[in-house]
């Protein structure tokens, strides 16, 4: 039993010190590899890879300190989602609610982040 505990501690230490394999070398991927667990990181990468081929801007409006961007999603029957970005608090939300459900940024928010040239995942 002691040997199993020792092996588990070794595996835990190795997992905590290793970063997941990064495919595109973008700054946002490097940042995600440091803040997400391996499993969540790979789910995030799926969203990153889908964003350019499934998302398109369909409108922009400004309401006070909120920027609201309409994003059309080709994979979801061309449904349009609203991404809201608060300029003061830097909080960004999407009507698909993926972040609220899974804790992972959705491809719609990733699309907007990449269009704004941000190179890291917002803290909020």
N, C-alpha and C. Protein backbone atom coordinates (compact mmCIF):
# COMPACT_ATOMS: atom_id res chain seq x y z
N UNK A 1 0.83 -1.19 0.00
CA UNK A 1 0.00 0.00 0.00
C UNK A 1 0.88 1.25 0.00
N UNK A 2 1.93 1.23 0.77
CA UNK A 2 2.84 2.37 0.83
C UNK A 2 3.48 2.63 -0.54
N UNK A 3 3.80 1.56 -1.27
CA UNK A 3 4.37 1.71 -2.61
C UNK A 3 3.38 2.41 -3.55
N UNK A 4 2.10 2.07 -3.45
CA UNK A 4 1.08 2.70 -4.29
C UNK A 4 0.97 4.20 -3.97
N UNK A 5 1.00 4.54 -2.69
CA UNK A 5 0.95 5.95 -2.30
C UNK A 5 2.15 6.72 -2.83
N UNK A 6 3.32 6.09 -2.74
CA UNK A 6 4.54 6.71 -3.23
C UNK A 6 4.44 6.94 -4.75
N UNK A 7 3.99 5.92 -5.48
CA UNK A 7 3.84 6.05 -6.94
C UNK A 7 2.83 7.15 -7.29
N UNK A 8 1.75 7.23 -6.54
CA UNK A 8 0.74 8.26 -6.79
C UNK A 8 1.31 9.65 -6.56
N UNK A 9 2.12 9.82 -5.51
CA UNK A 9 2.75 11.11 -5.25
C UNK A 9 3.71 11.48 -6.38
N UNK A 10 4.45 10.51 -6.90
CA UNK A 10 5.35 10.76 -8.03
C UNK A 10 4.56 11.21 -9.27
N UNK A 11 3.47 10.51 -9.54
CA UNK A 11 2.65 10.86 -10.70
C UNK A 11 2.01 12.23 -10.54
N UNK A 12 1.54 12.54 -9.33
CA UNK A 12 0.96 13.86 -9.06
C UNK A 12 1.99 14.96 -9.28
N UNK A 13 3.19 14.75 -8.77
CA UNK A 13 4.25 15.75 -8.92
C UNK A 13 4.61 15.94 -10.40
N UNK A 14 4.68 14.86 -11.14
CA UNK A 14 5.01 14.96 -12.57
C UNK A 14 3.91 15.69 -13.32
N UNK A 15 2.66 15.39 -13.00
CA UNK A 15 1.54 16.04 -13.67
C UNK A 15 1.49 17.53 -13.36
N UNK A 16 1.76 17.90 -12.13
CA UNK A 16 1.71 19.30 -11.73
C UNK A 16 2.85 20.12 -12.33
N UNK A 17 3.96 19.49 -12.66
CA UNK A 17 5.11 20.23 -13.18
C UNK A 17 5.15 20.26 -14.70
N UNK A 18 4.33 19.47 -15.37
CA UNK A 18 4.34 19.43 -16.83
C UNK A 18 3.21 20.27 -17.40
N UNK A 19 3.49 20.96 -18.49
CA UNK A 19 2.46 21.70 -19.20
C UNK A 19 1.95 20.83 -20.35
N UNK A 20 0.67 20.96 -20.71
CA UNK A 20 0.15 20.18 -21.83
C UNK A 20 0.81 20.60 -23.14
N UNK A 21 0.75 19.73 -24.12
CA UNK A 21 1.35 20.01 -25.42
C UNK A 21 0.57 21.10 -26.14
N UNK A 22 1.27 22.11 -26.59
CA UNK A 22 0.66 23.26 -27.27
C UNK A 22 0.90 23.11 -28.76
N UNK A 23 -0.17 23.26 -29.55
CA UNK A 23 -0.05 23.02 -30.98
C UNK A 23 0.27 24.27 -31.79
N UNK A 24 -0.32 25.41 -31.47
CA UNK A 24 -0.17 26.57 -32.35
C UNK A 24 0.80 27.63 -31.84
N UNK A 25 1.27 27.51 -30.63
CA UNK A 25 2.23 28.45 -30.06
C UNK A 25 1.70 29.88 -29.91
N UNK A 26 0.39 30.07 -29.90
CA UNK A 26 -0.15 31.40 -29.68
C UNK A 26 -0.05 31.74 -28.20
N UNK A 27 -0.03 33.02 -27.89
CA UNK A 27 0.09 33.46 -26.51
C UNK A 27 -1.11 33.02 -25.67
N UNK A 28 -2.30 33.03 -26.27
CA UNK A 28 -3.50 32.65 -25.51
C UNK A 28 -3.44 31.16 -25.14
N UNK A 29 -2.89 30.33 -26.03
CA UNK A 29 -2.73 28.90 -25.70
C UNK A 29 -1.71 28.72 -24.59
N UNK A 30 -0.61 29.45 -24.67
CA UNK A 30 0.41 29.34 -23.61
C UNK A 30 -0.18 29.76 -22.27
N UNK A 31 -0.96 30.84 -22.27
CA UNK A 31 -1.59 31.31 -21.04
C UNK A 31 -2.57 30.26 -20.51
N UNK A 32 -3.39 29.70 -21.40
CA UNK A 32 -4.38 28.69 -21.00
C UNK A 32 -3.70 27.45 -20.43
N UNK A 33 -2.56 27.07 -20.98
CA UNK A 33 -1.86 25.87 -20.50
C UNK A 33 -1.37 26.04 -19.06
N UNK A 34 -1.21 27.29 -18.65
CA UNK A 34 -0.74 27.56 -17.28
C UNK A 34 -1.88 27.67 -16.28
N UNK A 35 -3.09 28.04 -16.74
CA UNK A 35 -4.17 28.28 -15.77
C UNK A 35 -5.21 27.17 -15.73
N UNK A 36 -5.29 26.35 -16.78
CA UNK A 36 -6.27 25.27 -16.83
C UNK A 36 -5.62 23.93 -16.52
N UNK A 37 -6.42 23.00 -16.01
CA UNK A 37 -5.94 21.62 -15.88
C UNK A 37 -5.78 21.05 -17.28
N UNK A 38 -5.10 19.92 -17.41
CA UNK A 38 -4.87 19.32 -18.72
C UNK A 38 -6.19 19.04 -19.45
N UNK A 39 -7.15 18.46 -18.75
CA UNK A 39 -8.42 18.10 -19.37
C UNK A 39 -9.16 19.34 -19.85
N UNK A 40 -9.25 20.35 -19.01
CA UNK A 40 -9.94 21.58 -19.37
C UNK A 40 -9.18 22.30 -20.48
N UNK A 41 -7.86 22.25 -20.45
CA UNK A 41 -7.06 22.88 -21.50
C UNK A 41 -7.41 22.31 -22.87
N UNK A 42 -7.51 21.00 -22.98
CA UNK A 42 -7.81 20.39 -24.28
C UNK A 42 -9.24 20.73 -24.74
N UNK A 43 -10.17 20.87 -23.81
CA UNK A 43 -11.52 21.33 -24.19
C UNK A 43 -11.47 22.78 -24.67
N UNK A 44 -10.66 23.60 -24.02
CA UNK A 44 -10.48 24.98 -24.43
C UNK A 44 -9.89 25.06 -25.83
N UNK A 45 -8.90 24.22 -26.12
CA UNK A 45 -8.25 24.22 -27.43
C UNK A 45 -9.25 23.86 -28.53
N UNK A 46 -10.20 22.98 -28.24
CA UNK A 46 -11.25 22.67 -29.22
C UNK A 46 -12.02 23.94 -29.58
N UNK A 47 -12.33 24.75 -28.58
CA UNK A 47 -13.06 26.00 -28.81
C UNK A 47 -12.20 26.97 -29.62
N UNK A 48 -10.91 27.04 -29.31
CA UNK A 48 -9.99 27.92 -30.04
C UNK A 48 -9.94 27.52 -31.51
N UNK A 49 -9.87 26.22 -31.77
CA UNK A 49 -9.77 25.74 -33.14
C UNK A 49 -11.06 25.93 -33.92
N UNK A 50 -12.21 25.87 -33.26
CA UNK A 50 -13.49 26.04 -33.95
C UNK A 50 -13.82 27.51 -34.22
N UNK A 51 -13.30 28.43 -33.41
CA UNK A 51 -13.68 29.84 -33.51
C UNK A 51 -13.51 30.44 -34.90
N UNK A 52 -12.35 30.31 -35.55
CA UNK A 52 -12.19 30.99 -36.83
C UNK A 52 -13.09 30.46 -37.95
N UNK A 53 -13.41 29.17 -37.91
CA UNK A 53 -14.20 28.61 -39.01
C UNK A 53 -15.70 28.59 -38.73
N UNK A 54 -16.12 28.90 -37.52
CA UNK A 54 -17.55 28.85 -37.23
C UNK A 54 -18.15 30.18 -36.80
N UNK A 55 -17.33 31.17 -36.50
CA UNK A 55 -17.85 32.45 -35.98
C UNK A 55 -17.67 33.58 -36.98
N UNK A 56 -18.65 34.46 -37.00
CA UNK A 56 -18.58 35.66 -37.84
C UNK A 56 -19.30 36.80 -37.14
N UNK A 57 -18.70 37.99 -37.21
CA UNK A 57 -19.33 39.18 -36.63
C UNK A 57 -20.59 39.52 -37.42
N UNK A 58 -21.68 39.84 -36.69
CA UNK A 58 -22.94 40.21 -37.36
C UNK A 58 -23.52 41.50 -36.82
N UNK A 59 -22.76 42.22 -36.03
CA UNK A 59 -23.26 43.49 -35.54
C UNK A 59 -22.54 43.93 -34.28
N UNK A 60 -22.62 45.22 -34.02
CA UNK A 60 -21.96 45.80 -32.85
C UNK A 60 -22.82 46.94 -32.34
N UNK A 61 -22.95 47.01 -31.03
CA UNK A 61 -23.64 48.14 -30.43
C UNK A 61 -22.96 48.49 -29.11
N UNK A 62 -23.21 49.68 -28.65
CA UNK A 62 -22.62 50.14 -27.40
C UNK A 62 -23.73 50.69 -26.52
N UNK A 63 -23.79 50.18 -25.29
CA UNK A 63 -24.79 50.63 -24.34
C UNK A 63 -24.07 51.02 -23.06
N UNK A 64 -23.84 52.29 -22.90
CA UNK A 64 -23.09 52.77 -21.74
C UNK A 64 -21.66 52.27 -21.81
N UNK A 65 -21.24 51.54 -20.79
CA UNK A 65 -19.88 51.01 -20.78
C UNK A 65 -19.82 49.56 -21.30
N UNK A 66 -20.88 49.12 -21.97
CA UNK A 66 -20.94 47.76 -22.51
C UNK A 66 -20.81 47.77 -24.03
N UNK A 67 -19.92 46.94 -24.54
CA UNK A 67 -19.86 46.65 -25.97
C UNK A 67 -20.62 45.35 -26.17
N UNK A 68 -21.54 45.32 -27.12
CA UNK A 68 -22.31 44.11 -27.39
C UNK A 68 -22.07 43.74 -28.85
N UNK A 69 -21.51 42.56 -29.04
CA UNK A 69 -21.16 42.09 -30.37
C UNK A 69 -22.03 40.88 -30.70
N UNK A 70 -22.67 40.89 -31.84
CA UNK A 70 -23.45 39.74 -32.30
C UNK A 70 -22.52 38.83 -33.08
N UNK A 71 -22.50 37.55 -32.70
CA UNK A 71 -21.63 36.57 -33.35
C UNK A 71 -22.49 35.45 -33.89
N UNK A 72 -22.37 35.21 -35.19
CA UNK A 72 -23.12 34.12 -35.81
C UNK A 72 -22.29 32.85 -35.74
N UNK A 73 -22.93 31.75 -35.34
CA UNK A 73 -22.27 30.46 -35.19
C UNK A 73 -22.74 29.51 -36.29
N UNK A 74 -21.86 29.18 -37.20
CA UNK A 74 -22.20 28.32 -38.34
C UNK A 74 -22.52 26.89 -37.90
N UNK A 75 -21.95 26.43 -36.80
CA UNK A 75 -22.18 25.06 -36.35
C UNK A 75 -23.51 24.89 -35.61
N UNK A 76 -24.11 25.97 -35.21
CA UNK A 76 -25.37 25.88 -34.46
C UNK A 76 -26.51 26.48 -35.26
N UNK A 77 -26.67 25.98 -36.48
CA UNK A 77 -27.75 26.39 -37.38
C UNK A 77 -27.76 27.90 -37.59
N UNK A 78 -26.56 28.46 -37.68
CA UNK A 78 -26.37 29.89 -37.93
C UNK A 78 -27.04 30.77 -36.88
N UNK A 79 -27.12 30.25 -35.68
CA UNK A 79 -27.70 31.00 -34.57
C UNK A 79 -26.79 32.17 -34.21
N UNK A 80 -27.38 33.25 -33.74
CA UNK A 80 -26.61 34.43 -33.36
C UNK A 80 -26.58 34.56 -31.84
N UNK A 81 -25.37 34.70 -31.32
CA UNK A 81 -25.14 34.87 -29.89
C UNK A 81 -24.65 36.28 -29.62
N UNK A 82 -24.96 36.78 -28.45
CA UNK A 82 -24.55 38.13 -28.05
C UNK A 82 -23.40 38.02 -27.05
N UNK A 83 -22.28 38.61 -27.40
CA UNK A 83 -21.13 38.67 -26.51
C UNK A 83 -21.08 40.09 -25.95
N UNK A 84 -21.17 40.21 -24.63
CA UNK A 84 -21.16 41.52 -23.97
C UNK A 84 -19.83 41.70 -23.23
N UNK A 85 -19.19 42.82 -23.47
CA UNK A 85 -17.91 43.13 -22.83
C UNK A 85 -18.04 44.45 -22.07
N UNK A 86 -17.82 44.39 -20.77
CA UNK A 86 -17.87 45.58 -19.92
C UNK A 86 -16.49 46.22 -19.93
N UNK A 87 -16.40 47.45 -20.44
CA UNK A 87 -15.11 48.13 -20.57
C UNK A 87 -14.47 48.43 -19.23
N UNK A 88 -15.27 48.69 -18.21
CA UNK A 88 -14.72 49.05 -16.90
C UNK A 88 -14.25 47.83 -16.12
N UNK A 89 -15.11 46.83 -15.98
CA UNK A 89 -14.76 45.65 -15.18
C UNK A 89 -14.00 44.60 -15.99
N UNK A 90 -13.96 44.75 -17.31
CA UNK A 90 -13.31 43.81 -18.23
C UNK A 90 -14.00 42.45 -18.27
N UNK A 91 -15.21 42.37 -17.72
CA UNK A 91 -15.96 41.11 -17.73
C UNK A 91 -16.60 40.90 -19.10
N UNK A 92 -16.51 39.68 -19.60
CA UNK A 92 -17.09 39.34 -20.90
C UNK A 92 -18.01 38.14 -20.72
N UNK A 93 -19.22 38.23 -21.25
CA UNK A 93 -20.17 37.12 -21.15
C UNK A 93 -20.75 36.83 -22.53
N UNK A 94 -21.30 35.64 -22.68
CA UNK A 94 -21.93 35.24 -23.94
C UNK A 94 -23.28 34.60 -23.62
N UNK A 95 -24.22 34.77 -24.52
CA UNK A 95 -25.56 34.22 -24.30
C UNK A 95 -25.59 32.69 -24.42
N UNK A 96 -24.52 32.06 -24.92
CA UNK A 96 -24.50 30.58 -24.96
C UNK A 96 -24.25 30.00 -23.57
N UNK A 97 -23.71 30.80 -22.65
CA UNK A 97 -23.50 30.45 -21.23
C UNK A 97 -22.54 29.27 -21.02
N UNK A 98 -21.64 29.03 -21.95
CA UNK A 98 -20.70 27.92 -21.80
C UNK A 98 -19.78 28.13 -20.59
N UNK A 99 -19.31 29.37 -20.41
CA UNK A 99 -18.43 29.62 -19.27
C UNK A 99 -19.15 29.35 -17.96
N UNK A 100 -20.40 29.76 -17.87
CA UNK A 100 -21.17 29.54 -16.63
C UNK A 100 -21.42 28.05 -16.40
N UNK A 101 -21.61 27.30 -17.47
CA UNK A 101 -21.89 25.86 -17.34
C UNK A 101 -20.64 25.01 -17.14
N UNK A 102 -19.56 25.32 -17.87
CA UNK A 102 -18.38 24.46 -17.88
C UNK A 102 -17.11 25.10 -17.33
N UNK A 103 -17.11 26.43 -17.20
CA UNK A 103 -15.90 27.11 -16.75
C UNK A 103 -14.86 27.28 -17.84
N UNK A 104 -15.29 27.13 -19.10
CA UNK A 104 -14.40 27.27 -20.25
C UNK A 104 -14.94 28.38 -21.15
N UNK A 105 -14.05 29.23 -21.62
CA UNK A 105 -14.49 30.26 -22.55
C UNK A 105 -15.02 29.62 -23.82
N UNK A 106 -16.12 30.15 -24.32
CA UNK A 106 -16.71 29.62 -25.55
C UNK A 106 -16.00 30.20 -26.77
N UNK A 107 -16.24 29.56 -27.91
CA UNK A 107 -15.61 30.01 -29.15
C UNK A 107 -16.05 31.41 -29.54
N UNK A 108 -17.23 31.83 -29.10
CA UNK A 108 -17.73 33.18 -29.42
C UNK A 108 -16.89 34.24 -28.72
N UNK A 109 -16.62 34.02 -27.43
CA UNK A 109 -15.78 34.95 -26.67
C UNK A 109 -14.35 34.89 -27.19
N UNK A 110 -13.86 33.69 -27.47
CA UNK A 110 -12.50 33.54 -28.01
C UNK A 110 -12.37 34.30 -29.33
N UNK A 111 -13.40 34.22 -30.16
CA UNK A 111 -13.41 34.93 -31.44
C UNK A 111 -13.25 36.44 -31.21
N UNK A 112 -14.02 36.98 -30.26
CA UNK A 112 -13.96 38.41 -29.97
C UNK A 112 -12.61 38.77 -29.36
N UNK A 113 -12.12 37.96 -28.43
CA UNK A 113 -10.81 38.21 -27.81
C UNK A 113 -9.72 38.26 -28.88
N UNK A 114 -9.74 37.30 -29.79
CA UNK A 114 -8.70 37.26 -30.83
C UNK A 114 -8.83 38.45 -31.78
N UNK A 115 -10.06 38.87 -32.05
CA UNK A 115 -10.27 40.03 -32.93
C UNK A 115 -9.77 41.32 -32.29
N UNK A 116 -9.82 41.38 -30.94
CA UNK A 116 -9.34 42.56 -30.23
C UNK A 116 -7.82 42.52 -30.02
N UNK A 117 -7.21 41.39 -30.38
CA UNK A 117 -5.76 41.26 -30.26
C UNK A 117 -5.27 40.93 -28.87
N UNK A 118 -6.17 40.49 -27.98
CA UNK A 118 -5.74 40.12 -26.62
C UNK A 118 -4.93 38.83 -26.69
N UNK A 119 -3.91 38.73 -25.84
CA UNK A 119 -3.03 37.58 -25.89
C UNK A 119 -3.10 36.72 -24.65
N UNK A 120 -4.07 37.02 -23.79
CA UNK A 120 -4.26 36.20 -22.60
C UNK A 120 -5.74 36.15 -22.27
N UNK A 121 -6.10 35.19 -21.47
CA UNK A 121 -7.49 35.03 -21.06
C UNK A 121 -7.78 36.05 -19.96
N UNK A 122 -8.84 36.85 -20.12
CA UNK A 122 -9.16 37.84 -19.09
C UNK A 122 -9.35 37.17 -17.72
N UNK A 123 -8.91 37.84 -16.69
CA UNK A 123 -8.95 37.28 -15.34
C UNK A 123 -10.38 36.92 -14.90
N UNK A 124 -11.36 37.75 -15.26
CA UNK A 124 -12.74 37.48 -14.87
C UNK A 124 -13.24 36.26 -15.57
